[in-house]
Amino acid sequence: MPTANGGWFKPTDHQDALAILLEVHGFERQRPTPNGPKDSALADVTVFKTPDQLKSYTPEVSQGQRIEQTVLARDLEGVVGSAVLVTVTQVPAKKPGAHPAWVWKQVTDSGIKNQVIAYAEQRDAAVKAAVDAAPDFD
């Protein structure tokens, strides 16, 4: 399971993913950036790009990733402390001459949902087992 830390979420890298599990840790309104203030969400991002990754529980995981595309970040403000299962897609701009906007789209396929839930349960059980097996230094 490839794991990266930090960085920025790039929607173009994940527009063909079957499912994206976002575990949202925080939201900052108008966070200072080199390109000016931006709304920003901080999340662990788990991406299942292929059916094989979904079936074998081998997603790409990025912990503590920044999401700063305005609509994407703002949509996550209400789910801080929880998780959502989505894909990412572009929609046409509402204003002439503007760039298309990236938006989250809920995953509705129950088979995909169930596989991602099973992955998360297995992952959490493995973490718990590792913590339980760790030596106690007290």
C-alpha atoms as a PDB file:
ATOM      1  CA  MET A   1       0.000   0.000   0.000  1.00  0.00           C
ATOM      2  CA  PRO A   2       1.797   3.177  -1.148  1.00  0.00           C
ATOM      3  CA  THR A   3       1.584   5.812   1.572  1.00  0.00           C
ATOM      4  CA  ALA A   4       2.581   9.451   1.283  1.00  0.00           C
ATOM      5  CA  ASN A   5       2.430  12.226   3.828  1.00  0.00           C
ATOM      6  CA  GLY A   6       1.284  15.758   3.268  1.00  0.00           C
ATOM      7  CA  GLY A   7       1.209  17.396  -0.106  1.00  0.00           C
ATOM      8  CA  TRP A   8      -1.774  18.773  -1.937  1.00  0.00           C
ATOM      9  CA  PHE A   9      -4.745  16.974  -3.420  1.00  0.00           C
ATOM     10  CA  LYS A  10      -4.687  17.198  -7.215  1.00  0.00           C
ATOM     11  CA  PRO A  11      -8.127  16.364  -8.656  1.00  0.00           C
ATOM     12  CA  THR A  12      -6.735  15.630 -12.123  1.00  0.00           C
ATOM     13  CA  ASP A  13      -4.691  12.766 -10.631  1.00  0.00           C
ATOM     14  CA  HIS A  14      -7.842  11.127  -9.257  1.00  0.00           C
ATOM     15  CA  GLN A  15     -10.648  11.952 -11.710  1.00  0.00           C
ATOM     16  CA  ASP A  16     -10.836   8.321 -12.898  1.00  0.00           C
ATOM     17  CA  ALA A  17     -10.736   6.738  -9.421  1.00  0.00           C
ATOM     18  CA  LEU A  18     -13.463   4.271  -8.467  1.00  0.00           C
ATOM     19  CA  ALA A  19     -13.622   5.644  -4.924  1.00  0.00           C
ATOM     20  CA  ILE A  20     -11.907   8.174  -2.676  1.00  0.00           C
ATOM     21  CA  LEU A  21     -12.207   7.803   1.083  1.00  0.00           C
ATOM     22  CA  LEU A  22     -11.702  11.188   2.775  1.00  0.00           C
ATOM     23  CA  GLU A  23     -11.129  11.196   6.529  1.00  0.00           C
ATOM     24  CA  VAL A  24     -11.335  14.902   7.306  1.00  0.00           C
ATOM     25  CA  HIS A  25      -9.280  16.247  10.213  1.00  0.00           C
ATOM     26  CA  GLY A  26      -9.676  19.989   9.869  1.00  0.00           C
ATOM     27  CA  PHE A  27     -10.888  23.000   7.935  1.00  0.00           C
ATOM     28  CA  GLU A  28      -9.409  26.502   7.869  1.00  0.00           C
ATOM     29  CA  ARG A  29     -11.175  29.423   6.274  1.00  0.00           C
ATOM     30  CA  GLN A  30      -8.865  31.735   4.306  1.00  0.00           C
ATOM     31  CA  ARG A  31      -5.629  29.993   5.310  1.00  0.00           C
ATOM     32  CA  PRO A  32      -2.578  32.039   4.184  1.00  0.00           C
ATOM     33  CA  THR A  33      -0.826  30.505   1.148  1.00  0.00           C
ATOM     34  CA  PRO A  34       1.836  31.769  -1.293  1.00  0.00           C
ATOM     35  CA  ASN A  35      -1.024  32.330  -3.784  1.00  0.00           C
ATOM     36  CA  GLY A  36      -3.154  34.304  -1.344  1.00  0.00           C
ATOM     37  CA  PRO A  37      -5.637  33.135   1.299  1.00  0.00           C
ATOM     38  CA  LYS A  38      -7.587  29.969   0.498  1.00  0.00           C
ATOM     39  CA  ASP A  39     -10.154  27.827   2.246  1.00  0.00           C
ATOM     40  CA  SER A  40      -8.358  24.612   3.113  1.00  0.00           C
ATOM     41  CA  ALA A  41      -9.279  21.150   4.372  1.00  0.00           C
ATOM     42  CA  LEU A  42      -6.813  18.681   5.893  1.00  0.00           C
ATOM     43  CA  ALA A  43      -7.617  15.008   5.318  1.00  0.00           C
ATOM     44  CA  ASP A  44      -6.264  11.509   5.009  1.00  0.00           C
ATOM     45  CA  VAL A  45      -6.998  10.595   1.383  1.00  0.00           C
ATOM     46  CA  THR A  46      -7.359   6.935   0.378  1.00  0.00           C
ATOM     47  CA  VAL A  47      -7.736   6.417  -3.373  1.00  0.00           C
ATOM     48  CA  PHE A  48      -8.925   3.224  -5.065  1.00  0.00           C
ATOM     49  CA  LYS A  49      -8.044   3.792  -8.718  1.00  0.00           C
ATOM     50  CA  THR A  50      -8.748   0.304 -10.072  1.00  0.00           C
ATOM     51  CA  PRO A  51     -11.035  -2.645  -9.355  1.00  0.00           C
ATOM     52  CA  ASP A  52      -7.906  -4.655  -8.424  1.00  0.00           C
ATOM     53  CA  GLN A  53      -6.916  -2.104  -5.771  1.00  0.00           C
ATOM     54  CA  LEU A  54     -10.436  -2.293  -4.368  1.00  0.00           C
ATOM     55  CA  LYS A  55     -10.529  -6.091  -4.384  1.00  0.00           C
ATOM     56  CA  SER A  56      -7.060  -6.529  -2.860  1.00  0.00           C
ATOM     57  CA  TYR A  57      -7.366  -3.620  -0.367  1.00  0.00           C
ATOM     58  CA  THR A  58      -4.284  -1.888  -1.806  1.00  0.00           C
ATOM     59  CA  PRO A  59      -5.260   1.769  -2.274  1.00  0.00           C
ATOM     60  CA  GLU A  60      -2.959   4.757  -2.508  1.00  0.00           C
ATOM     61  CA  VAL A  61      -2.969   6.506   0.878  1.00  0.00           C
ATOM     62  CA  SER A  62      -1.910  10.095   1.551  1.00  0.00           C
ATOM     63  CA  GLN A  63      -2.032  11.154   5.180  1.00  0.00           C
ATOM     64  CA  GLY A  64      -2.450  14.797   6.098  1.00  0.00           C
ATOM     65  CA  GLN A  65      -3.113  16.019   2.591  1.00  0.00           C
ATOM     66  CA  ARG A  66      -4.256  19.618   1.925  1.00  0.00           C
ATOM     67  CA  ILE A  67      -7.339  20.169  -0.223  1.00  0.00           C
ATOM     68  CA  GLU A  68      -7.431  23.802  -1.350  1.00  0.00           C
ATOM     69  CA  GLN A  69      -9.657  23.879  -4.421  1.00  0.00           C
ATOM     70  CA  THR A  70     -12.374  26.234  -3.160  1.00  0.00           C
ATOM     71  CA  VAL A  71     -15.500  24.142  -3.761  1.00  0.00           C
ATOM     72  CA  LEU A  72     -13.833  20.878  -2.697  1.00  0.00           C
ATOM     73  CA  ALA A  73     -12.482  22.364   0.541  1.00  0.00           C
ATOM     74  CA  ARG A  74     -15.726  24.127   1.492  1.00  0.00           C
ATOM     75  CA  ASP A  75     -17.754  20.966   0.923  1.00  0.00           C
ATOM     76  CA  LEU A  76     -15.632  19.240   3.585  1.00  0.00           C
ATOM     77  CA  GLU A  77     -16.130  21.894   6.276  1.00  0.00           C
ATOM     78  CA  GLY A  78     -19.234  20.131   7.607  1.00  0.00           C
ATOM     79  CA  VAL A  79     -17.634  16.686   7.866  1.00  0.00           C
ATOM     80  CA  VAL A  80     -14.575  17.479  10.005  1.00  0.00           C
ATOM     81  CA  GLY A  81     -13.993  14.534  12.335  1.00  0.00           C
ATOM     82  CA  SER A  82     -15.699  12.015  10.070  1.00  0.00           C
ATOM     83  CA  ALA A  83     -15.290  10.354   6.686  1.00  0.00           C
ATOM     84  CA  VAL A  84     -16.971  10.490   3.280  1.00  0.00           C
ATOM     85  CA  LEU A  85     -16.774   8.203   0.258  1.00  0.00           C
ATOM     86  CA  VAL A  86     -16.680  10.122  -3.009  1.00  0.00           C
ATOM     87  CA  THR A  87     -15.263  10.518  -6.486  1.00  0.00           C
ATOM     88  CA  VAL A  88     -14.113  13.798  -8.013  1.00  0.00           C
ATOM     89  CA  THR A  89     -15.347  15.251 -11.286  1.00  0.00           C
ATOM     90  CA  GLN A  90     -15.560  18.556 -13.147  1.00  0.00           C
ATOM     91  CA  VAL A  91     -18.723  20.499 -13.866  1.00  0.00           C
ATOM     92  CA  PRO A  92     -19.059  23.350 -16.362  1.00  0.00           C
ATOM     93  CA  ALA A  93     -18.496  26.854 -15.064  1.00  0.00           C
ATOM     94  CA  LYS A  94     -21.577  28.910 -14.288  1.00  0.00           C
ATOM     95  CA  LYS A  95     -19.982  32.122 -15.548  1.00  0.00           C
ATOM     96  CA  PRO A  96     -18.862  32.474 -19.172  1.00  0.00           C
ATOM     97  CA  GLY A  97     -15.085  32.297 -19.513  1.00  0.00           C
ATOM     98  CA  ALA A  98     -14.554  30.771 -16.050  1.00  0.00           C
ATOM     99  CA  HIS A  99     -12.774  27.466 -15.510  1.00  0.00           C
ATOM    100  CA  PRO A 100     -14.833  24.316 -14.854  1.00  0.00           C
ATOM    101  CA  ALA A 101     -15.191  23.570 -11.138  1.00  0.00           C
ATOM    102  CA  TRP A 102     -14.080  20.387  -9.402  1.00  0.00           C
ATOM    103  CA  VAL A 103     -16.782  18.813  -7.224  1.00  0.00           C
ATOM    104  CA  TRP A 104     -17.181  15.732  -5.055  1.00  0.00           C
ATOM    105  CA  LYS A 105     -19.709  13.129  -6.141  1.00  0.00           C
ATOM    106  CA  GLN A 106     -21.066  10.631  -3.606  1.00  0.00           C
ATOM    107  CA  VAL A 107     -20.325   6.965  -4.332  1.00  0.00           C
ATOM    108  CA  THR A 108     -23.699   5.255  -4.683  1.00  0.00           C
ATOM    109  CA  ASP A 109     -22.615   1.761  -5.806  1.00  0.00           C
ATOM    110  CA  SER A 110     -23.278  -0.488  -2.780  1.00  0.00           C
ATOM    111  CA  GLY A 111     -20.645  -3.013  -3.897  1.00  0.00           C
ATOM    112  CA  ILE A 112     -17.926  -0.345  -3.905  1.00  0.00           C
ATOM    113  CA  LYS A 113     -19.183   1.078  -0.583  1.00  0.00           C
ATOM    114  CA  ASN A 114     -19.098  -2.344   1.065  1.00  0.00           C
ATOM    115  CA  GLN A 115     -15.571  -3.071  -0.174  1.00  0.00           C
ATOM    116  CA  VAL A 116     -14.260   0.276   1.092  1.00  0.00           C
ATOM    117  CA  ILE A 117     -15.955  -0.275   4.475  1.00  0.00           C
ATOM    118  CA  ALA A 118     -14.384  -3.752   4.668  1.00  0.00           C
ATOM    119  CA  TYR A 119     -10.976  -2.233   3.829  1.00  0.00           C
ATOM    120  CA  ALA A 120     -11.351   0.406   6.570  1.00  0.00           C
ATOM    121  CA  GLU A 121     -12.449  -2.181   9.137  1.00  0.00           C
ATOM    122  CA  GLN A 122      -9.492  -4.427   8.249  1.00  0.00           C
ATOM    123  CA  ARG A 123      -7.081  -1.464   8.398  1.00  0.00           C
ATOM    124  CA  ASP A 124      -8.402  -0.329  11.782  1.00  0.00           C
ATOM    125  CA  ALA A 125      -8.213  -3.885  13.176  1.00  0.00           C
ATOM    126  CA  ALA A 126      -4.587  -4.186  12.003  1.00  0.00           C
ATOM    127  CA  VAL A 127      -3.693  -0.888  13.711  1.00  0.00           C
ATOM    128  CA  LYS A 128      -5.391  -2.008  16.936  1.00  0.00           C
ATOM    129  CA  ALA A 129      -3.564  -5.358  16.832  1.00  0.00           C
ATOM    130  CA  ALA A 130      -0.224  -3.599  16.334  1.00  0.00           C
ATOM    131  CA  VAL A 131      -0.892  -1.248  19.255  1.00  0.00           C
ATOM    132  CA  ASP A 132      -1.972  -4.164  21.461  1.00  0.00           C
ATOM    133  CA  ALA A 133       1.191  -6.094  20.531  1.00  0.00           C
ATOM    134  CA  ALA A 134       3.511  -3.146  21.216  1.00  0.00           C
ATOM    135  CA  PRO A 135       5.627  -3.433  24.362  1.00  0.00           C
ATOM    136  CA  ASP A 136       4.523  -1.534  27.441  1.00  0.00           C
ATOM    137  CA  PHE A 137       7.337   0.627  28.741  1.00  0.00           C
ATOM    138  CA  ASP A 138       5.649   1.538  32.022  1.00  0.00           C
END
